[in-house]
Each structure stands twice: as structure tokens, then as C-alpha cells.
N, C-alpha and C. Protein backbone atom coordinates (compact mmCIF):
# COMPACT_ATOMS: atom_id res chain seq x y z
N MET A 1 -56.37 -25.40 42.69
CA MET A 1 -55.30 -24.84 43.27
C MET A 1 -54.39 -24.17 42.06
N HIS A 2 -54.00 -23.00 42.26
CA HIS A 2 -53.10 -22.28 41.23
C HIS A 2 -51.86 -21.94 42.05
N ALA A 3 -50.82 -21.85 41.08
CA ALA A 3 -49.54 -21.08 41.63
C ALA A 3 -49.32 -20.01 40.64
N PHE A 4 -48.62 -19.02 41.02
CA PHE A 4 -48.47 -17.76 40.13
C PHE A 4 -47.07 -17.45 39.94
N PHE A 5 -46.57 -16.77 38.95
CA PHE A 5 -45.29 -16.15 38.83
C PHE A 5 -45.09 -14.93 39.91
N ALA A 6 -44.12 -14.94 40.65
CA ALA A 6 -44.05 -14.13 41.80
C ALA A 6 -43.61 -12.65 41.37
N LEU A 7 -43.45 -12.25 40.40
CA LEU A 7 -42.93 -10.92 40.13
C LEU A 7 -43.99 -10.03 39.15
N CYS A 8 -44.14 -8.87 39.82
CA CYS A 8 -45.19 -8.05 39.11
C CYS A 8 -44.68 -7.57 37.75
N PRO A 9 -45.25 -7.66 36.58
CA PRO A 9 -44.67 -7.30 35.50
C PRO A 9 -44.62 -5.81 35.24
N HIS A 10 -44.88 -5.24 36.22
CA HIS A 10 -44.75 -3.69 36.04
C HIS A 10 -43.51 -3.13 36.41
N GLN A 11 -42.97 -3.36 37.51
CA GLN A 11 -41.61 -3.08 37.94
C GLN A 11 -40.93 -4.16 38.79
N HIS A 12 -41.31 -5.39 38.58
CA HIS A 12 -40.77 -6.67 39.05
C HIS A 12 -40.80 -6.67 40.62
N TYR A 13 -41.58 -5.99 41.26
CA TYR A 13 -41.93 -6.20 42.82
C TYR A 13 -42.33 -7.51 43.05
N ASP A 14 -41.94 -8.02 44.24
CA ASP A 14 -42.14 -9.39 44.72
C ASP A 14 -43.62 -9.66 45.18
N LEU A 15 -44.50 -10.51 44.36
CA LEU A 15 -45.80 -10.61 44.78
C LEU A 15 -46.01 -11.52 46.15
N SER A 16 -45.00 -12.10 46.53
CA SER A 16 -45.23 -12.80 47.74
C SER A 16 -45.44 -11.84 48.70
N ASP A 17 -44.93 -10.48 48.72
CA ASP A 17 -45.35 -9.66 49.69
C ASP A 17 -46.66 -8.82 49.53
N GLY A 18 -47.35 -9.28 48.44
CA GLY A 18 -48.54 -8.45 48.09
C GLY A 18 -49.64 -8.98 49.12
N ILE A 19 -50.78 -8.29 48.74
CA ILE A 19 -52.12 -8.22 49.52
C ILE A 19 -53.07 -9.24 48.99
N LEU A 20 -53.21 -10.37 49.80
CA LEU A 20 -54.08 -11.36 49.09
C LEU A 20 -55.44 -10.95 49.42
N GLU A 21 -56.30 -11.08 48.45
CA GLU A 21 -57.68 -10.66 48.33
C GLU A 21 -58.50 -11.71 47.76
N ARG A 22 -59.71 -11.82 48.12
CA ARG A 22 -60.64 -12.96 47.53
C ARG A 22 -60.35 -13.01 46.01
N GLY A 23 -59.73 -14.23 45.53
CA GLY A 23 -59.60 -14.57 44.19
C GLY A 23 -58.39 -13.82 43.39
N GLY A 24 -57.68 -12.83 44.33
CA GLY A 24 -56.53 -12.19 43.54
C GLY A 24 -55.45 -11.63 44.50
N ILE A 25 -54.52 -11.14 43.99
CA ILE A 25 -53.36 -10.56 44.73
C ILE A 25 -53.11 -9.27 44.11
N ALA A 26 -52.67 -8.34 45.15
CA ALA A 26 -52.27 -6.90 44.60
C ALA A 26 -50.77 -6.86 44.94
N CYS A 27 -50.16 -6.07 43.91
CA CYS A 27 -48.78 -5.77 43.93
C CYS A 27 -48.65 -4.79 45.33
N PRO A 28 -47.57 -5.08 46.06
CA PRO A 28 -47.43 -4.27 47.26
C PRO A 28 -47.02 -2.86 46.97
N GLN A 29 -46.39 -2.73 45.70
CA GLN A 29 -45.86 -1.39 45.50
C GLN A 29 -46.95 -0.36 44.94
N HIS A 30 -47.50 -0.97 43.81
CA HIS A 30 -48.50 -0.12 43.08
C HIS A 30 -50.04 -0.50 42.99
N LEU A 31 -50.06 -1.59 43.90
CA LEU A 31 -51.50 -2.10 43.96
C LEU A 31 -52.14 -2.65 42.62
N TRP A 32 -51.52 -3.07 41.72
CA TRP A 32 -52.01 -3.74 40.65
C TRP A 32 -52.63 -4.91 40.93
N ARG A 33 -53.73 -5.28 40.70
CA ARG A 33 -54.54 -6.41 41.19
C ARG A 33 -54.59 -7.33 40.19
N PHE A 34 -54.17 -8.66 40.41
CA PHE A 34 -54.03 -9.75 39.47
C PHE A 34 -55.11 -10.81 39.83
N GLU A 35 -56.01 -11.33 38.76
CA GLU A 35 -56.86 -12.49 39.33
C GLU A 35 -55.87 -13.72 39.17
N LEU A 36 -56.30 -14.69 40.33
CA LEU A 36 -55.41 -15.91 40.52
C LEU A 36 -55.90 -16.87 39.65
N ASP A 37 -57.21 -16.97 38.87
CA ASP A 37 -57.63 -17.95 38.14
C ASP A 37 -56.97 -17.72 36.81
N ASP A 38 -56.80 -16.63 36.17
CA ASP A 38 -56.22 -16.48 34.85
C ASP A 38 -55.00 -15.50 34.82
N GLY A 39 -54.63 -14.80 35.82
CA GLY A 39 -53.43 -13.95 36.04
C GLY A 39 -53.73 -12.58 35.34
N ARG A 40 -54.93 -12.19 34.86
CA ARG A 40 -55.13 -10.78 34.19
C ARG A 40 -55.09 -9.78 35.29
N CYS A 41 -54.76 -8.69 34.95
CA CYS A 41 -54.76 -7.48 35.78
C CYS A 41 -56.01 -6.80 35.47
N ARG A 42 -56.82 -6.31 36.70
CA ARG A 42 -58.00 -5.81 36.61
C ARG A 42 -57.72 -4.20 36.23
N MET A 43 -56.56 -3.67 36.66
CA MET A 43 -56.55 -2.26 36.31
C MET A 43 -55.71 -1.81 35.16
N VAL A 44 -55.00 -2.75 34.57
CA VAL A 44 -54.17 -2.42 33.33
C VAL A 44 -54.52 -3.55 32.12
N PRO A 45 -55.28 -3.21 31.33
CA PRO A 45 -55.60 -4.15 30.24
C PRO A 45 -54.40 -4.71 29.52
N GLY A 46 -54.28 -5.97 29.32
CA GLY A 46 -53.28 -6.52 28.74
C GLY A 46 -52.01 -6.99 29.65
N ALA A 47 -51.99 -6.51 30.82
CA ALA A 47 -51.13 -6.97 31.82
C ALA A 47 -51.58 -8.26 32.56
N ARG A 48 -50.52 -9.15 32.77
CA ARG A 48 -51.01 -10.33 33.31
C ARG A 48 -49.77 -11.03 34.04
N ILE A 49 -49.88 -12.15 34.81
CA ILE A 49 -48.78 -12.86 35.44
C ILE A 49 -49.15 -14.25 34.99
N PRO A 50 -48.23 -15.09 34.83
CA PRO A 50 -48.40 -16.51 34.43
C PRO A 50 -48.95 -17.28 35.58
N ILE A 51 -49.94 -18.13 35.33
CA ILE A 51 -50.57 -18.92 36.32
C ILE A 51 -50.47 -20.35 35.85
N TYR A 52 -50.00 -21.08 36.91
CA TYR A 52 -49.88 -22.55 36.70
C TYR A 52 -50.76 -23.52 37.42
N ALA A 53 -51.10 -24.62 37.02
CA ALA A 53 -51.91 -25.53 37.73
C ALA A 53 -51.09 -26.20 38.87
N ALA A 54 -51.68 -26.45 39.91
CA ALA A 54 -50.90 -26.85 41.16
C ALA A 54 -51.84 -28.02 42.00
N HIS A 55 -51.29 -28.87 42.58
CA HIS A 55 -52.05 -29.78 43.39
C HIS A 55 -51.26 -30.29 44.71
N GLU A 56 -51.86 -30.66 45.48
CA GLU A 56 -51.14 -31.31 46.73
C GLU A 56 -50.95 -32.92 46.40
N GLU A 57 -49.74 -33.25 46.85
CA GLU A 57 -49.44 -34.47 46.74
C GLU A 57 -48.68 -35.04 47.88
N ASP A 58 -49.22 -36.02 48.71
CA ASP A 58 -48.28 -36.41 49.89
C ASP A 58 -47.69 -35.25 50.84
N GLY A 59 -48.54 -34.22 50.98
CA GLY A 59 -48.25 -33.13 51.95
C GLY A 59 -47.42 -32.14 51.17
N TRP A 60 -46.97 -32.23 49.88
CA TRP A 60 -46.29 -31.19 48.94
C TRP A 60 -47.13 -30.63 48.09
N VAL A 61 -46.91 -29.22 47.70
CA VAL A 61 -47.61 -28.65 46.68
C VAL A 61 -46.81 -28.77 45.44
N VAL A 62 -47.48 -29.38 44.46
CA VAL A 62 -46.63 -29.74 43.19
C VAL A 62 -47.27 -28.73 41.99
N VAL A 63 -46.13 -27.89 41.69
CA VAL A 63 -46.62 -27.07 40.56
C VAL A 63 -46.43 -27.65 39.15
N GLU A 64 -47.50 -27.53 38.30
CA GLU A 64 -47.25 -28.13 37.02
C GLU A 64 -46.82 -27.06 35.82
N LEU A 65 -45.33 -26.93 35.66
CA LEU A 65 -44.84 -26.00 34.65
C LEU A 65 -44.91 -26.48 33.19
N PRO A 66 -44.89 -25.53 32.45
CA PRO A 66 -45.09 -25.98 31.00
C PRO A 66 -43.62 -26.46 30.61
N ALA A 67 -43.81 -27.27 29.52
CA ALA A 67 -42.35 -27.80 28.92
C ALA A 67 -41.65 -26.68 28.30
N PRO A 68 -40.43 -26.67 28.28
CA PRO A 68 -39.74 -25.58 27.58
C PRO A 68 -39.95 -25.61 26.09
N PRO A 69 -39.71 -24.55 25.43
CA PRO A 69 -39.83 -24.67 23.87
C PRO A 69 -38.73 -25.58 23.30
N GLU A 70 -38.96 -26.37 22.32
CA GLU A 70 -38.12 -27.25 21.59
C GLU A 70 -36.73 -26.71 21.32
N ASP A 71 -36.66 -25.38 21.01
CA ASP A 71 -35.35 -24.76 20.56
C ASP A 71 -34.52 -24.41 21.70
N SER A 72 -35.02 -24.59 22.97
CA SER A 72 -34.13 -24.20 24.16
C SER A 72 -33.62 -25.44 24.78
N ARG A 73 -33.93 -26.57 24.44
CA ARG A 73 -33.40 -27.76 25.08
C ARG A 73 -32.04 -28.20 24.61
């Protein structure tokens, strides 16, 4: 299970309104498609969204976010 950052890197459209397809999601505005396993964009080399590990625990979806950098604490 994966979770993803919900804003398209192109013009920050909300990907929660996107089109879910097998293994990916397409931005509702410009149809950039992002792979849900690694976040890369099929249409624009170098474009990607952050992908986070997630799992179900006691009926909740738990998203495993990375620790903040040392200098931001």
C-alpha cells in the first residue's frame, strides 16, 4: 500500500480529484500520469510526486512519513 503527495508538481492541482488508473493517477487538469509505486511521471521525464509507505492498522491507514531534516528541528 502506498500514499502519495496530493498536489501535481506542474501547477499544483489536487490529485485527489485525479483519474485513478491501474497503477497510477492522472492529474485532472493536464492529465500528467504518475506511477503509484515510485511517483514518476510517464509523460514528463524528471517530474514526480513523493510516495510514502502506508499500511492498515486497526482499521486506520497509517502513512509512514520521513523524519524532518536535522536542521529543521
